[in-house]
Protein backbone atom coordinates (compact mmCIF):
# COMPACT_ATOMS: atom_id res chain seq x y z
CA MET A 1 -7.18 45.43 14.31
CA LYS A 2 -5.38 44.83 17.65
CA LYS A 3 -5.70 41.65 19.61
CA ALA A 4 -7.61 43.48 22.23
CA GLU A 5 -10.14 44.85 20.10
CA LEU A 6 -10.44 41.56 18.24
CA ALA A 7 -11.12 39.85 21.65
CA SER A 8 -13.67 42.77 22.54
CA GLN A 9 -15.39 42.04 19.36
CA PHE A 10 -15.39 38.18 19.82
CA VAL A 11 -17.19 38.66 23.16
CA SER A 12 -19.80 40.78 21.94
CA GLN A 13 -20.57 38.55 19.02
CA HIS A 14 -21.01 35.68 21.39
CA GLN A 15 -22.29 37.91 24.32
CA GLN A 16 -25.19 35.25 25.10
CA GLN A 17 -23.14 32.32 25.29
CA PHE A 18 -21.26 33.49 27.76
CA GLN A 19 -21.76 33.90 31.52
CA CYS A 20 -20.37 35.11 34.65
CA PRO A 21 -17.91 32.77 36.57
CA VAL A 22 -18.36 34.54 39.92
CA CYS A 23 -22.32 34.57 39.95
CA GLY A 24 -23.36 32.81 37.11
CA GLY A 25 -24.92 35.59 35.73
CA GLU A 26 -25.72 36.72 32.07
CA ILE A 27 -22.93 39.24 30.51
CA ASP A 28 -24.54 42.23 30.43
CA SER A 29 -22.26 44.39 28.02
CA VAL A 30 -18.60 44.67 26.53
CA VAL A 31 -17.70 48.31 26.94
CA ASP A 32 -14.25 48.96 25.17
CA GLN A 33 -12.28 46.16 26.73
CA THR A 34 -14.05 45.45 29.47
CA ILE A 35 -16.81 43.02 30.34
CA TYR A 36 -19.73 43.28 32.74
CA CYS A 37 -21.90 40.93 33.86
CA GLU A 38 -25.63 41.96 34.82
CA HIS A 39 -24.51 41.94 38.78
CA GLU A 40 -21.45 44.07 38.08
CA HIS A 41 -19.08 41.69 38.12
CA SER A 42 -16.35 42.77 35.45
CA PHE A 43 -13.44 41.12 33.58
CA ASP A 44 -10.89 43.28 31.51
CA ILE A 45 -9.40 42.23 28.61
CA SER A 46 -5.44 42.28 28.23
CA LYS A 47 -3.21 43.76 25.75
CA LYS A 48 -2.73 40.34 24.45
CA GLY A 49 -6.51 39.97 23.87
CA THR A 50 -6.39 37.36 26.69
CA LEU A 51 -9.15 37.09 29.48
CA PHE A 52 -9.01 36.32 33.16
CA MET A 53 -12.26 34.76 34.04
CA ILE A 54 -11.72 32.75 37.32
CA ASN A 55 -12.32 33.72 40.83
CA ALA A 56 -8.65 33.76 42.32
CA PRO A 57 -5.34 32.90 40.47
CA VAL A 58 -4.34 29.10 40.74
CA LYS A 59 -0.70 27.87 41.04
CA THR A 60 0.02 25.21 38.91
CA GLU A 61 3.05 22.71 38.35
CA TYR A 62 3.33 23.79 34.84
CA THR A 63 5.98 26.71 34.77
CA ASP A 64 6.70 29.12 31.74
CA GLU A 65 9.82 27.24 30.67
CA MET A 66 7.87 24.12 30.66
CA LEU A 67 4.89 25.38 28.38
CA ARG A 68 7.50 27.11 25.95
CA TYR A 69 9.11 23.90 25.44
CA ARG A 70 5.82 22.32 24.77
CA GLN A 71 4.93 25.32 22.38
CA GLN A 72 8.15 24.31 20.65
CA MET A 73 7.33 20.86 19.98
CA LEU A 74 3.81 21.41 19.31
CA THR A 75 4.68 23.79 16.53
CA ALA A 76 6.90 21.56 15.13
CA GLY A 77 4.07 19.23 14.43
CA PHE A 78 4.19 16.59 17.14
CA PHE A 79 0.61 16.26 17.65
CA GLU A 80 -0.68 17.58 14.18
CA PRO A 81 -1.56 13.85 12.87
CA MET A 82 -3.73 13.53 15.99
CA LEU A 83 -5.29 16.98 15.61
CA LYS A 84 -6.35 15.85 12.05
CA ALA A 85 -8.54 12.90 13.67
CA VAL A 86 -9.89 15.25 15.95
CA SER A 87 -10.52 18.01 13.34
CA VAL A 88 -12.97 15.92 11.10
CA GLN A 89 -15.01 14.94 14.41
CA ILE A 90 -15.80 18.78 15.22
CA LYS A 91 -19.49 19.72 14.81
CA HIS A 92 -19.23 22.89 12.31
CA GLY A 93 -21.28 26.27 13.04
CA GLY A 94 -20.74 26.97 16.37
CA LEU A 95 -18.69 27.93 19.43
CA VAL A 96 -15.74 25.29 19.91
CA LEU A 97 -14.10 25.30 23.21
CA ASP A 98 -10.45 23.61 23.59
CA ALA A 99 -10.72 23.14 27.53
CA GLY A 100 -7.27 22.85 29.10
CA CYS A 101 -5.75 24.28 26.06
CA GLY A 102 -2.16 25.09 27.45
CA GLU A 103 -0.18 27.39 25.63
CA GLY A 104 -2.58 27.39 22.63
CA THR A 105 -1.06 25.59 19.84
CA THR A 106 -3.65 22.79 19.34
CA THR A 107 -6.47 25.77 19.71
CA LYS A 108 -4.70 28.01 16.81
CA TRP A 109 -4.01 24.80 14.91
CA LEU A 110 -7.87 23.71 14.91
CA ALA A 111 -9.00 26.96 14.27
CA GLN A 112 -7.15 27.20 11.10
CA GLN A 113 -8.57 24.08 9.75
CA ASN A 114 -12.34 25.64 10.50
CA HIS A 115 -12.43 29.37 9.62
CA ASN A 116 -16.47 28.77 9.94
CA ASP A 117 -16.47 28.31 13.90
CA ALA A 118 -15.60 30.44 16.82
CA TYR A 119 -12.77 28.85 18.85
CA VAL A 120 -12.09 29.62 22.60
CA GLY A 121 -8.78 28.16 24.27
CA LEU A 122 -9.34 27.69 28.24
CA ASP A 123 -6.77 26.95 30.67
CA ILE A 124 -6.44 27.21 34.61
CA SER A 125 -2.66 28.28 33.99
CA LYS A 126 -2.15 32.11 33.71
CA PRO A 127 1.43 31.59 32.28
CA ALA A 128 -0.21 28.98 29.45
CA ILE A 129 -2.52 31.72 28.36
CA ASN A 130 0.14 34.48 28.50
CA ILE A 131 2.21 32.39 25.93
CA ALA A 132 -1.23 31.63 24.17
CA GLY A 133 -2.05 35.16 23.57
CA SER A 134 1.55 36.01 22.45
CA GLY A 135 2.93 36.32 18.56
CA ALA A 136 1.16 37.08 15.88
CA VAL A 137 -2.32 37.66 15.20
CA ASN A 138 -3.82 34.64 13.94
CA ALA A 139 -6.55 33.99 10.95
CA PRO A 140 -9.01 33.33 12.83
CA GLN A 141 -7.87 34.35 16.14
CA PRO A 142 -9.26 32.07 18.87
CA LEU A 143 -10.33 33.98 22.14
CA PHE A 144 -7.88 32.60 25.17
CA MET A 145 -8.92 32.89 28.72
CA VAL A 146 -8.05 31.65 32.06
CA GLY A 147 -10.76 29.63 33.46
CA ASP A 148 -11.65 26.79 35.58
CA LEU A 149 -13.04 23.60 34.40
CA ALA A 150 -14.99 23.29 37.72
CA LYS A 151 -16.83 26.53 36.78
CA LEU A 152 -16.93 27.35 32.80
CA PRO A 153 -17.68 30.64 31.89
CA PHE A 154 -20.26 29.60 29.46
CA GLY A 155 -24.43 29.46 29.58
CA ASP A 156 -26.09 26.29 29.53
CA GLN A 157 -26.33 24.36 26.33
CA GLN A 158 -24.28 27.32 24.52
CA VAL A 159 -20.84 25.51 23.46
CA THR A 160 -21.24 23.03 20.24
CA THR A 161 -18.20 21.02 20.55
CA ILE A 162 -15.51 20.66 23.54
CA VAL A 163 -12.13 19.48 22.69
CA ASN A 164 -10.12 18.03 25.59
CA ILE A 165 -6.56 16.90 24.75
CA LEU A 166 -4.45 15.12 27.39
CA SER A 167 -6.19 17.34 30.22
CA PRO A 168 -8.05 16.79 33.40
CA ALA A 169 -11.85 17.04 32.67
CA ASN A 170 -15.14 17.89 34.26
CA TYR A 171 -18.09 15.90 32.81
CA GLN A 172 -20.87 17.48 35.02
CA GLU A 173 -19.54 21.09 33.57
CA PHE A 174 -19.19 19.76 29.79
CA ASP A 175 -22.77 18.22 30.41
CA ARG A 176 -24.23 21.37 31.43
CA VAL A 177 -22.70 23.85 28.20
CA LEU A 178 -22.72 21.27 25.70
CA GLN A 179 -25.69 21.90 23.21
CA PRO A 180 -28.17 18.96 22.54
CA GLY A 181 -26.52 17.14 19.39
CA GLY A 182 -23.06 19.04 20.60
CA LYS A 183 -19.83 16.93 20.62
CA LEU A 184 -17.42 16.00 23.33
CA ILE A 185 -13.96 15.07 21.78
CA LYS A 186 -11.44 13.76 24.37
CA VAL A 187 -7.99 12.47 23.68
CA ILE A 188 -6.46 10.21 26.13
CA PRO A 189 -2.69 8.97 25.78
CA ASN A 190 -2.45 5.31 24.88
CA SER A 191 -0.18 2.62 26.24
CA GLN A 192 2.89 3.58 23.85
CA TYR A 193 2.59 7.10 24.22
CA LEU A 194 6.29 8.37 24.64
CA ASN A 195 7.11 4.67 25.01
CA GLU A 196 10.93 5.40 24.00
CA LEU A 197 11.31 8.24 26.34
CA ARG A 198 9.72 6.23 29.18
CA ALA A 199 12.32 3.31 28.55
CA LEU A 200 14.94 5.98 29.05
CA VAL A 201 13.62 7.39 32.11
CA TYR A 202 12.08 4.38 33.91
CA PRO A 203 13.93 1.22 32.65
CA GLU A 204 12.06 -0.78 35.29
CA GLY A 205 9.42 -0.32 38.24
CA GLU A 206 5.93 0.92 38.35
CA HIS A 207 6.57 3.72 35.85
CA ALA A 208 8.18 1.80 33.13
CA THR A 209 4.48 0.88 31.62
CA TYR A 210 1.22 3.36 31.23
CA ASP A 211 -2.18 2.16 31.71
CA ASN A 212 -4.92 4.53 30.57
CA SER A 213 -7.59 2.27 31.80
CA PRO A 214 -8.38 4.22 35.02
CA VAL A 215 -8.86 7.55 32.57
CA LYS A 216 -10.69 5.63 29.86
CA ASP A 217 -13.36 3.92 32.21
CA HIS A 218 -14.06 6.98 33.96
CA PHE A 219 -14.97 8.23 30.69
CA ILE A 220 -17.08 5.48 29.56
CA ALA A 221 -18.59 5.15 33.02
CA HIS A 222 -20.08 8.73 32.77
CA TYR A 223 -21.14 8.42 28.89
CA GLY A 224 -21.62 4.96 28.23
CA ASN A 225 -21.38 4.85 24.49
CA VAL A 226 -18.14 6.42 23.28
CA GLU A 227 -16.53 5.88 19.89
CA PHE A 228 -12.97 5.31 20.20
CA THR A 229 -10.54 6.14 17.37
CA PRO A 230 -6.72 5.39 17.33
CA ALA A 231 -4.26 7.67 16.38
CA HIS A 232 -0.39 6.09 16.40
CA TYR A 233 2.14 7.35 14.56
CA GLN A 234 6.18 7.91 14.80
CA PHE A 235 7.60 11.50 14.91
CA ASP A 236 11.24 12.36 14.18
CA LEU A 237 13.26 13.92 16.72
CA THR A 238 16.04 16.37 16.36
CA PRO A 239 18.39 17.18 19.55
CA ALA A 240 16.61 20.26 20.10
CA LEU A 241 13.27 18.83 19.75
CA PHE A 242 14.47 15.73 21.81
CA LYS A 243 15.26 18.26 24.49
CA ALA A 244 11.90 20.12 24.09
CA LEU A 245 10.01 16.88 24.69
CA PHE A 246 12.08 15.82 27.76
CA GLU A 247 11.34 19.47 29.40
CA MET A 248 7.56 19.59 28.45
CA THR A 249 6.35 16.36 29.83
CA PRO A 250 5.45 15.54 33.60
CA LEU A 251 7.11 11.84 32.91
CA THR A 252 10.45 13.18 33.31
CA TRP A 253 9.89 15.03 36.51
CA ARG A 254 11.16 12.36 38.71
CA ALA A 255 14.49 12.12 36.30
CA ALA A 256 15.87 15.30 37.12
CA GLU A 257 18.98 14.44 38.44
CA ARG A 258 19.67 12.34 35.40
CA LYS A 259 18.65 14.79 32.93
CA GLU A 260 21.95 15.27 31.39
CA SER A 261 22.62 11.72 30.66
CA ILE A 262 19.42 11.13 29.18
CA LEU A 263 19.88 14.14 26.96
CA LYS A 264 23.37 13.01 25.90
CA GLN A 265 21.70 9.79 25.28
CA GLY A 266 18.89 11.23 22.99
CA LEU A 267 16.32 9.91 20.66
CA THR A 268 15.90 10.27 17.07
CA GLN A 269 12.13 9.13 16.92
CA ILE A 270 9.39 9.05 19.71
CA THR A 271 5.99 7.34 19.56
CA ALA A 272 2.81 9.13 19.38
CA ASP A 273 -0.18 6.65 20.74
CA PHE A 274 -3.62 8.27 21.47
CA GLU A 275 -7.35 7.31 21.87
CA ILE A 276 -9.68 9.82 20.40
CA GLY A 277 -13.10 9.29 22.24
CA VAL A 278 -16.31 11.14 20.88
CA VAL A 279 -19.43 11.66 22.56
CA THR A 280 -22.49 13.20 20.98
CA LYS A 281 -25.13 14.59 23.64
């Protein structure tokens, strides 16, 4: 079955869980590869099986090149130990939303671990979703869509688990769409994340260290009782992977003029350091 047909089938099977991001109305029908809401707003499924469910395009700082380097790094397994810790927290038997999925590698990996769940990867970046929809059909195949965290295209209490990995969050919308007993799993970078790269790029000054407390404190302030699990490990780098790492992270944006010298120095290992916060509604 082609990707567009798989996506159409996915939406048809979960029609009651989606809602129109334009008017908030129910999804009325899925005809061929077009989705219609009850107020006649329509959304076409692309040949890649992706959906554009946002009011207007949004320009982001994440370029196609940067996203492809990220895909290279994540496909090599950089996030895998952390994703294993995320996977065991997912509440099974429902709809899982990867909110801020980027180029889709995390969504695909998680979906492959949990074949009984339905996975949706959502990101505001159209280039990211274009990459997510590329390549071979996965088993199972997640649904990828361009969407806005401020206006999620899901009905109230229709999502079983929300995964939010190193991405902005909208807790009001998460609360609205998450079902009672559902889970929010948020992954936050910890102080040692990419420590070796940070030391190369910012040997001194305000960017030489990282403090996750503003993000973490905001999360705790909203939910109160959050269980955190650390994920800390070393990841081996080849020269090609070090270049991919340098190119994929906003950490290096201010060091563009020193790029060649930093790449020449190189790194053979990088620290992955995360905190995984879990909330049950």
